[in-house]
Protein backbone atom coordinates (compact mmCIF):
# COMPACT_ATOMS: atom_id res chain seq x y z
CA MET A 1 -163.03 44.65 320.57
CA ALA A 2 -161.93 41.97 323.03
CA GLY A 3 -160.61 38.45 323.33
CA VAL A 4 -162.42 35.52 324.95
CA THR A 5 -161.06 33.25 327.69
CA LEU A 6 -162.68 30.04 328.91
CA ASN A 7 -161.35 28.60 332.17
CA LYS A 8 -162.30 25.00 333.02
CA VAL A 9 -165.79 25.51 331.62
CA ILE A 10 -168.31 22.73 332.29
CA LYS A 11 -171.89 22.29 331.13
CA ARG A 12 -174.32 19.76 332.59
CA TYR A 13 -177.95 19.00 331.86
CA GLY A 14 -179.00 17.27 335.06
CA ASP A 15 -176.68 14.29 335.47
CA VAL A 16 -175.46 14.45 331.88
CA GLN A 17 -172.22 16.39 331.32
CA VAL A 18 -171.75 17.62 327.75
CA ILE A 19 -168.81 20.05 328.09
CA HIS A 20 -165.86 18.72 330.08
CA GLY A 21 -163.62 21.37 331.62
CA VAL A 22 -162.73 23.36 328.50
CA ASP A 23 -159.76 25.75 328.68
CA LEU A 24 -159.37 28.09 325.70
CA GLU A 25 -157.95 31.50 324.86
CA ILE A 26 -159.13 33.42 321.78
CA ALA A 27 -157.09 36.53 321.09
CA ASP A 28 -158.55 39.94 320.36
CA GLY A 29 -159.36 40.13 316.64
CA GLU A 30 -158.87 36.40 316.05
CA PHE A 31 -161.15 34.30 313.83
CA CYS A 32 -161.67 31.09 315.80
CA VAL A 33 -163.63 28.14 314.41
CA PHE A 34 -165.17 25.39 316.54
CA VAL A 35 -165.34 22.26 314.40
CA GLY A 36 -166.31 18.67 315.02
CA PRO A 37 -168.97 16.04 314.28
CA SER A 38 -172.60 16.41 315.28
CA GLY A 39 -173.05 16.16 319.03
CA CYS A 40 -169.49 17.17 319.88
CA GLY A 41 -170.62 20.24 321.89
CA LYS A 42 -169.51 23.02 319.55
CA SER A 43 -172.89 24.82 319.39
CA THR A 44 -173.42 24.36 323.13
CA LEU A 45 -170.04 25.97 323.81
CA LEU A 46 -170.87 28.88 321.50
CA ARG A 47 -174.23 29.40 323.22
CA MET A 48 -172.44 29.42 326.56
CA VAL A 49 -170.25 32.28 325.32
CA ALA A 50 -173.41 34.07 324.18
CA GLY A 51 -175.13 33.49 327.53
CA LEU A 52 -177.94 31.50 325.94
CA GLU A 53 -176.78 28.45 327.92
CA GLU A 54 -175.83 28.74 331.58
CA THR A 55 -172.28 27.76 332.51
CA THR A 56 -172.46 25.05 335.18
CA GLU A 57 -168.87 25.43 336.40
CA GLY A 58 -165.81 27.43 335.43
CA ALA A 59 -165.33 31.01 334.35
CA MET A 60 -165.74 32.95 331.12
CA MET A 61 -164.07 36.27 330.32
CA ILE A 62 -164.66 38.70 327.46
CA GLY A 63 -161.82 41.16 327.53
CA ASP A 64 -161.20 41.91 331.20
CA ARG A 65 -164.85 41.31 332.22
CA ASP A 66 -166.09 38.17 333.92
CA VAL A 67 -169.30 37.45 332.01
CA THR A 68 -169.98 33.98 333.42
CA ARG A 69 -173.25 35.02 335.07
CA MET A 70 -174.09 38.04 332.91
CA ASP A 71 -177.25 38.23 330.81
CA PRO A 72 -176.73 37.87 327.05
CA SER A 73 -177.59 41.56 326.48
CA GLU A 74 -174.76 42.65 328.80
CA ARG A 75 -171.97 40.57 327.27
CA GLY A 76 -171.17 42.68 324.23
CA VAL A 77 -171.72 39.86 321.76
CA ALA A 78 -173.88 39.50 318.66
CA MET A 79 -174.95 36.16 317.24
CA VAL A 80 -175.75 35.09 313.69
CA PHE A 81 -177.85 31.93 313.56
CA GLN A 82 -178.29 29.17 311.01
CA THR A 83 -181.85 30.40 310.45
CA TYR A 84 -181.97 34.03 309.39
CA ALA A 85 -184.68 35.04 311.92
CA LEU A 86 -185.65 38.17 309.99
CA TYR A 87 -188.97 39.96 310.51
CA PRO A 88 -190.92 39.19 307.32
CA HIS A 89 -193.02 42.38 307.43
CA MET A 90 -190.00 44.69 307.72
CA THR A 91 -187.66 45.98 305.05
CA VAL A 92 -183.95 45.17 305.08
CA LYS A 93 -183.23 48.60 306.52
CA ASP A 94 -185.77 48.20 309.32
CA ASN A 95 -184.60 44.67 310.12
CA MET A 96 -181.02 45.84 310.53
CA GLY A 97 -181.90 48.78 312.75
CA PHE A 98 -184.67 47.21 314.80
CA GLY A 99 -182.52 46.15 317.75
CA LEU A 100 -181.07 49.64 318.17
CA LYS A 101 -184.54 51.17 317.84
CA MET A 102 -185.90 48.93 320.61
CA ASN A 103 -183.02 49.98 322.86
CA GLY A 104 -183.87 53.64 322.38
CA HIS A 105 -180.94 54.76 320.23
CA PRO A 106 -181.40 58.10 318.39
CA LYS A 107 -182.72 57.86 314.84
CA ALA A 108 -179.65 59.57 313.38
CA GLU A 109 -177.32 57.10 315.09
CA ILE A 110 -179.37 54.15 313.84
CA GLU A 111 -179.33 55.45 310.27
CA ALA A 112 -175.56 56.01 310.41
CA LYS A 113 -174.83 52.51 311.72
CA VAL A 114 -177.21 50.87 309.24
CA ALA A 115 -175.58 52.82 306.40
CA GLU A 116 -172.13 51.67 307.52
CA ALA A 117 -173.19 48.01 307.72
CA THR A 118 -174.98 48.30 304.39
CA HIS A 119 -171.79 49.57 302.76
CA ILE A 120 -169.64 46.81 304.28
CA LEU A 121 -172.03 44.08 303.10
CA LYS A 122 -172.93 45.72 299.77
CA LEU A 123 -176.65 45.69 300.54
CA GLU A 124 -177.52 49.13 299.13
CA PRO A 125 -179.76 47.80 296.31
CA TYR A 126 -181.89 45.80 298.75
CA LEU A 127 -182.64 48.26 301.57
CA ASP A 128 -186.31 48.66 300.70
CA ARG A 129 -186.98 44.98 300.02
CA LYS A 130 -188.60 42.58 302.44
CA PRO A 131 -187.00 39.19 303.24
CA ALA A 132 -189.33 37.28 300.91
CA ALA A 133 -187.80 39.17 297.96
CA LEU A 134 -184.23 38.18 298.87
CA SER A 135 -182.14 35.11 298.10
CA GLY A 136 -180.80 32.93 300.92
CA GLY A 137 -177.37 34.53 300.70
CA GLN A 138 -178.83 38.03 300.78
CA ARG A 139 -180.93 37.17 303.85
CA GLN A 140 -177.88 35.87 305.66
CA ARG A 141 -176.00 39.07 304.83
CA VAL A 142 -178.89 41.04 306.36
CA SER A 143 -178.68 38.97 309.54
CA ILE A 144 -174.93 39.63 309.66
CA GLY A 145 -175.66 43.34 309.11
CA ARG A 146 -178.05 43.30 312.05
CA ALA A 147 -175.17 42.00 314.17
CA ILE A 148 -172.74 44.62 312.85
CA VAL A 149 -174.95 47.59 313.73
CA ARG A 150 -174.88 46.55 317.38
CA GLY A 151 -171.12 47.16 317.46
CA PRO A 152 -170.33 44.04 319.51
CA GLU A 153 -166.97 43.13 320.99
CA VAL A 154 -167.38 39.54 319.74
CA PHE A 155 -169.28 38.09 316.77
CA LEU A 156 -170.70 34.58 317.14
CA PHE A 157 -171.72 32.49 314.10
CA ASP A 158 -173.68 29.25 314.58
CA GLU A 159 -173.42 27.29 311.30
CA PRO A 160 -174.58 30.34 309.30
CA LEU A 161 -174.10 28.76 305.86
CA SER A 162 -175.81 25.39 306.42
CA ASN A 163 -179.03 26.45 304.68
CA LEU A 164 -177.31 27.69 301.52
CA ASP A 165 -176.52 25.74 298.38
CA ALA A 166 -172.90 24.88 297.50
CA GLU A 167 -172.26 27.90 295.26
CA LEU A 168 -173.70 30.36 297.78
CA ARG A 169 -171.69 28.79 300.60
CA VAL A 170 -168.47 29.52 298.71
CA GLU A 171 -169.62 33.08 298.03
CA MET A 172 -170.57 33.68 301.66
CA ARG A 173 -167.28 32.24 302.93
CA VAL A 174 -165.51 34.90 300.89
CA GLU A 175 -167.88 37.57 302.25
CA ILE A 176 -167.30 36.55 305.88
CA ALA A 177 -163.52 36.40 305.40
CA ARG A 178 -163.60 39.88 303.86
CA LEU A 179 -165.82 41.13 306.69
CA HIS A 180 -163.36 39.91 309.31
CA LYS A 181 -160.45 41.54 307.52
CA GLU A 182 -162.35 44.82 307.16
CA ILE A 183 -163.68 45.24 310.71
CA GLY A 184 -161.02 43.25 312.60
CA ALA A 185 -163.42 41.99 315.26
CA THR A 186 -163.08 38.82 317.31
CA MET A 187 -165.18 36.12 315.66
CA ILE A 188 -166.15 32.64 316.86
CA TYR A 189 -167.64 30.44 314.19
CA VAL A 190 -169.24 26.99 314.55
CA THR A 191 -169.35 24.51 311.69
CA HIS A 192 -169.27 20.77 311.05
CA ASP A 193 -167.67 21.46 307.66
CA GLN A 194 -163.90 21.23 307.95
CA VAL A 195 -163.50 22.95 304.55
CA GLU A 196 -165.14 26.06 306.04
CA ALA A 197 -162.89 25.75 309.06
CA MET A 198 -159.71 25.49 306.97
CA THR A 199 -160.80 28.38 304.75
CA LEU A 200 -161.82 30.91 307.39
CA ALA A 201 -159.95 30.25 310.61
CA ASP A 202 -156.92 31.83 312.19
CA LYS A 203 -157.37 29.18 314.88
CA ILE A 204 -159.31 25.90 314.76
CA VAL A 205 -160.65 24.19 317.88
CA VAL A 206 -161.38 20.51 317.16
CA LEU A 207 -164.01 19.13 319.55
CA ARG A 208 -165.18 15.59 320.26
CA LEU A 209 -167.70 14.60 322.94
CA GLY A 210 -167.34 17.93 324.75
CA VAL A 211 -163.54 17.78 324.94
CA ILE A 212 -160.98 19.79 322.94
CA GLU A 213 -158.85 17.36 320.95
CA GLN A 214 -156.47 19.95 319.51
CA VAL A 215 -156.16 23.69 318.93
CA GLY A 216 -154.03 25.32 316.27
CA ALA A 217 -153.71 27.09 312.94
CA PRO A 218 -155.41 25.23 310.06
CA MET A 219 -152.24 23.99 308.36
CA ASP A 220 -150.61 23.11 311.68
CA LEU A 221 -153.48 20.73 312.43
CA TYR A 222 -153.31 19.35 308.90
CA ARG A 223 -149.56 18.77 308.94
CA ASP A 224 -149.08 17.84 312.57
CA PRO A 225 -152.20 16.24 314.14
CA ASP A 226 -151.94 15.04 317.73
CA ASN A 227 -154.18 12.02 317.32
CA LYS A 228 -156.01 9.84 314.84
CA PHE A 229 -159.31 11.69 315.27
CA VAL A 230 -157.84 15.07 314.30
CA ALA A 231 -155.84 13.50 311.47
CA GLY A 232 -158.98 11.93 310.03
CA PHE A 233 -161.26 14.91 310.56
CA ILE A 234 -159.05 17.66 309.11
CA GLY A 235 -158.52 17.20 305.40
CA SER A 236 -160.79 16.31 302.48
CA PRO A 237 -160.73 13.51 301.46
CA ALA A 238 -159.82 12.19 304.89
CA MET A 239 -156.48 10.63 305.71
CA ASN A 240 -156.18 6.92 304.88
CA PHE A 241 -155.65 4.53 307.79
CA VAL A 242 -154.53 0.90 307.63
CA HIS A 243 -153.51 -1.63 310.26
CA GLY A 244 -149.84 -2.18 310.94
CA THR A 245 -147.54 -4.04 313.30
CA VAL A 246 -144.06 -3.27 314.60
CA LYS A 247 -141.13 -5.63 314.10
CA ASP A 248 -137.46 -4.74 314.46
CA GLU A 249 -138.17 -0.99 314.29
CA ALA A 250 -140.06 -1.50 311.03
CA ILE A 251 -143.74 -0.95 310.25
CA ILE A 252 -145.33 -3.87 308.44
CA ALA A 253 -148.49 -2.59 306.73
CA PRO A 254 -150.00 -5.15 304.32
CA GLY A 255 -152.76 -2.71 303.34
CA LEU A 256 -150.11 -0.42 301.87
CA GLY A 257 -148.27 -3.34 300.34
CA ALA A 258 -144.94 -2.44 301.92
CA GLN A 259 -142.66 -2.48 304.94
CA TYR A 260 -141.26 0.78 306.29
CA ASP A 261 -137.98 0.61 308.18
CA GLY A 262 -136.63 2.87 310.90
CA LEU A 263 -139.87 4.72 311.64
CA ILE A 264 -140.49 3.58 315.19
CA SER A 265 -138.58 2.65 318.34
CA THR A 266 -138.21 -0.82 319.81
CA ALA A 267 -140.54 0.26 322.65
CA TYR A 268 -143.43 -0.60 320.31
CA GLU A 269 -142.04 -4.00 319.33
CA GLY A 270 -144.88 -6.40 318.57
CA LYS A 271 -147.58 -3.79 319.11
CA ALA A 272 -150.39 -2.86 316.73
CA VAL A 273 -150.33 0.60 315.19
CA SER A 274 -152.51 2.58 312.82
CA VAL A 275 -150.66 3.83 309.75
CA GLY A 276 -151.93 7.04 308.14
CA ALA A 277 -151.22 8.58 304.75
CA ARG A 278 -152.96 11.47 303.01
CA PRO A 279 -154.34 10.91 299.48
CA GLU A 280 -151.99 13.47 297.94
CA HIS A 281 -148.93 11.72 299.39
CA ILE A 282 -149.68 8.36 297.74
CA VAL A 283 -148.46 7.69 294.19
CA ILE A 284 -150.03 5.15 291.84
CA ASP A 285 -147.72 2.48 290.43
CA PRO A 286 -149.48 1.27 287.24
CA ASP A 287 -147.23 -1.82 287.09
CA GLY A 288 -148.33 -3.02 290.53
CA ASP A 289 -151.24 -5.37 291.18
CA SER A 290 -151.85 -5.30 294.93
CA HIS A 291 -154.86 -2.93 294.93
CA THR A 292 -158.16 -3.09 293.05
CA VAL A 293 -159.55 0.16 291.62
CA GLU A 294 -163.17 0.24 292.76
CA MET A 295 -164.08 3.66 291.33
CA THR A 296 -162.63 7.00 290.35
CA GLU A 297 -164.05 10.41 291.20
CA SER A 298 -163.09 12.98 288.59
CA LEU A 299 -163.29 16.66 289.56
CA GLY A 300 -161.55 18.05 286.48
CA GLY A 301 -158.09 19.20 287.56
CA VAL A 302 -157.90 16.45 290.15
CA SER A 303 -159.40 13.01 290.58
CA PHE A 304 -159.56 10.52 293.43
CA ALA A 305 -159.06 6.81 292.93
CA TYR A 306 -160.77 4.56 295.49
CA LEU A 307 -158.73 1.40 295.95
CA THR A 308 -159.23 -1.77 297.95
CA SER A 309 -156.14 -3.55 299.20
CA GLY A 310 -155.68 -7.29 299.47
CA THR A 311 -156.52 -6.95 303.18
CA GLY A 312 -159.88 -5.35 302.30
CA GLU A 313 -158.85 -1.89 303.51
CA ARG A 314 -160.02 1.18 301.58
CA ILE A 315 -157.39 3.64 300.30
CA VAL A 316 -158.04 6.92 298.47
CA VAL A 317 -155.35 8.32 296.17
CA GLU A 318 -155.24 11.79 294.63
CA GLU A 319 -154.25 11.95 290.97
CA ARG A 320 -153.42 14.85 288.67
CA GLY A 321 -152.17 15.06 285.10
CA ASP A 322 -153.54 13.42 281.97
CA ASP A 323 -152.96 9.74 282.76
CA ARG A 324 -155.29 8.63 285.50
CA THR A 325 -156.43 5.34 286.94
CA GLN A 326 -159.56 3.67 285.56
CA ALA A 327 -162.05 1.65 287.57
CA GLY A 328 -161.79 -2.12 287.29
CA GLY A 329 -158.01 -2.39 287.06
CA THR A 330 -155.34 -3.29 289.58
CA VAL A 331 -152.47 -1.04 290.61
CA GLY A 332 -149.72 -0.71 293.17
CA ILE A 333 -148.98 2.30 295.34
CA LYS A 334 -145.88 4.05 296.65
CA ILE A 335 -145.50 6.35 299.64
CA ASP A 336 -142.56 8.43 300.81
CA PRO A 337 -141.92 7.11 304.36
CA ARG A 338 -141.46 10.70 305.55
CA ARG A 339 -145.13 11.30 304.73
CA ILE A 340 -146.43 8.49 306.93
CA PHE A 341 -148.24 9.18 310.22
CA LEU A 342 -148.24 6.62 313.02
CA PHE A 343 -150.83 6.27 315.78
CA ASP A 344 -151.08 3.95 318.76
CA ALA A 345 -153.83 1.46 317.87
CA GLU A 346 -155.18 1.46 321.44
CA THR A 347 -155.01 5.12 322.51
CA GLU A 348 -155.13 6.61 318.96
CA GLN A 349 -152.49 9.14 320.04
CA ARG A 350 -149.79 10.15 317.60
CA ILE A 351 -146.50 8.25 317.80
CA ARG A 352 -143.65 10.71 317.34
CA ASN A 353 -140.01 9.68 317.05
């Protein structure tokens, strides 16, 4: 097994630059997730690690080897794609061992490695089936098994659960987490789904427009985002943002129906700020009347009330317990000032006191 290091990595397609000098260290055995919106460069960066995309500038190390210009087959990586890419005329067993067979490995070695991967992924009942006789989740497990038998130093996953339904995605997340714990390999995983990222990752890399916005453990990013983009992307539902202004070291935020004193220095006097609050940190005040309840989303143990403030700003509030807000009414809200996040309205960077 080995870690991965990216040093000022750049990717260009002609005159268009899509990856902008990325520096990143992924420790040996770490589960690292690249997350971000479509077009942010996460799949391109993964393919660069795999060698499927050429690195324009910078250096890439796997362990102590410089793999920047190496062919994909020499890098010691195995990739699991969004599409299963299984041979339809082969059985599960033959699909898993095909790569080793083509590389001339002895039959006994192939059978031993396939048996080991089969045991890890609990595929024993399906060895003689062909892909058409498998469910989507079973096919993806076969493609993961094909990667395992290669014995790579690094596993790469490119949105492997996107083609599965919601229930299977949850099941496969558990399977992949268990797989990482069992084999302890370095894994890099690409997804646009921040729930997957929060569930699986030891380390999350948040990307936007080919630039790393922040790197950290899931809950560190959730609790301590560096900027408005990360704060809004990590967490479901997303953090609420309303407009605010600074006066006498107080935040005046009409969308939240309150003024918050002592949260900001006089250096921001008169400036516009963005005020953030997570849905679970906002409390409904039934006796208030400053927010209209547009709709409620009930998920059983928890529900989300979608409010519109007098300023027209949308606010989502998490509710638990038996007494919950009903659509059509008006309510007030309360927030512990210690739970408020402040961002510069112009730069969108976090304001920390």
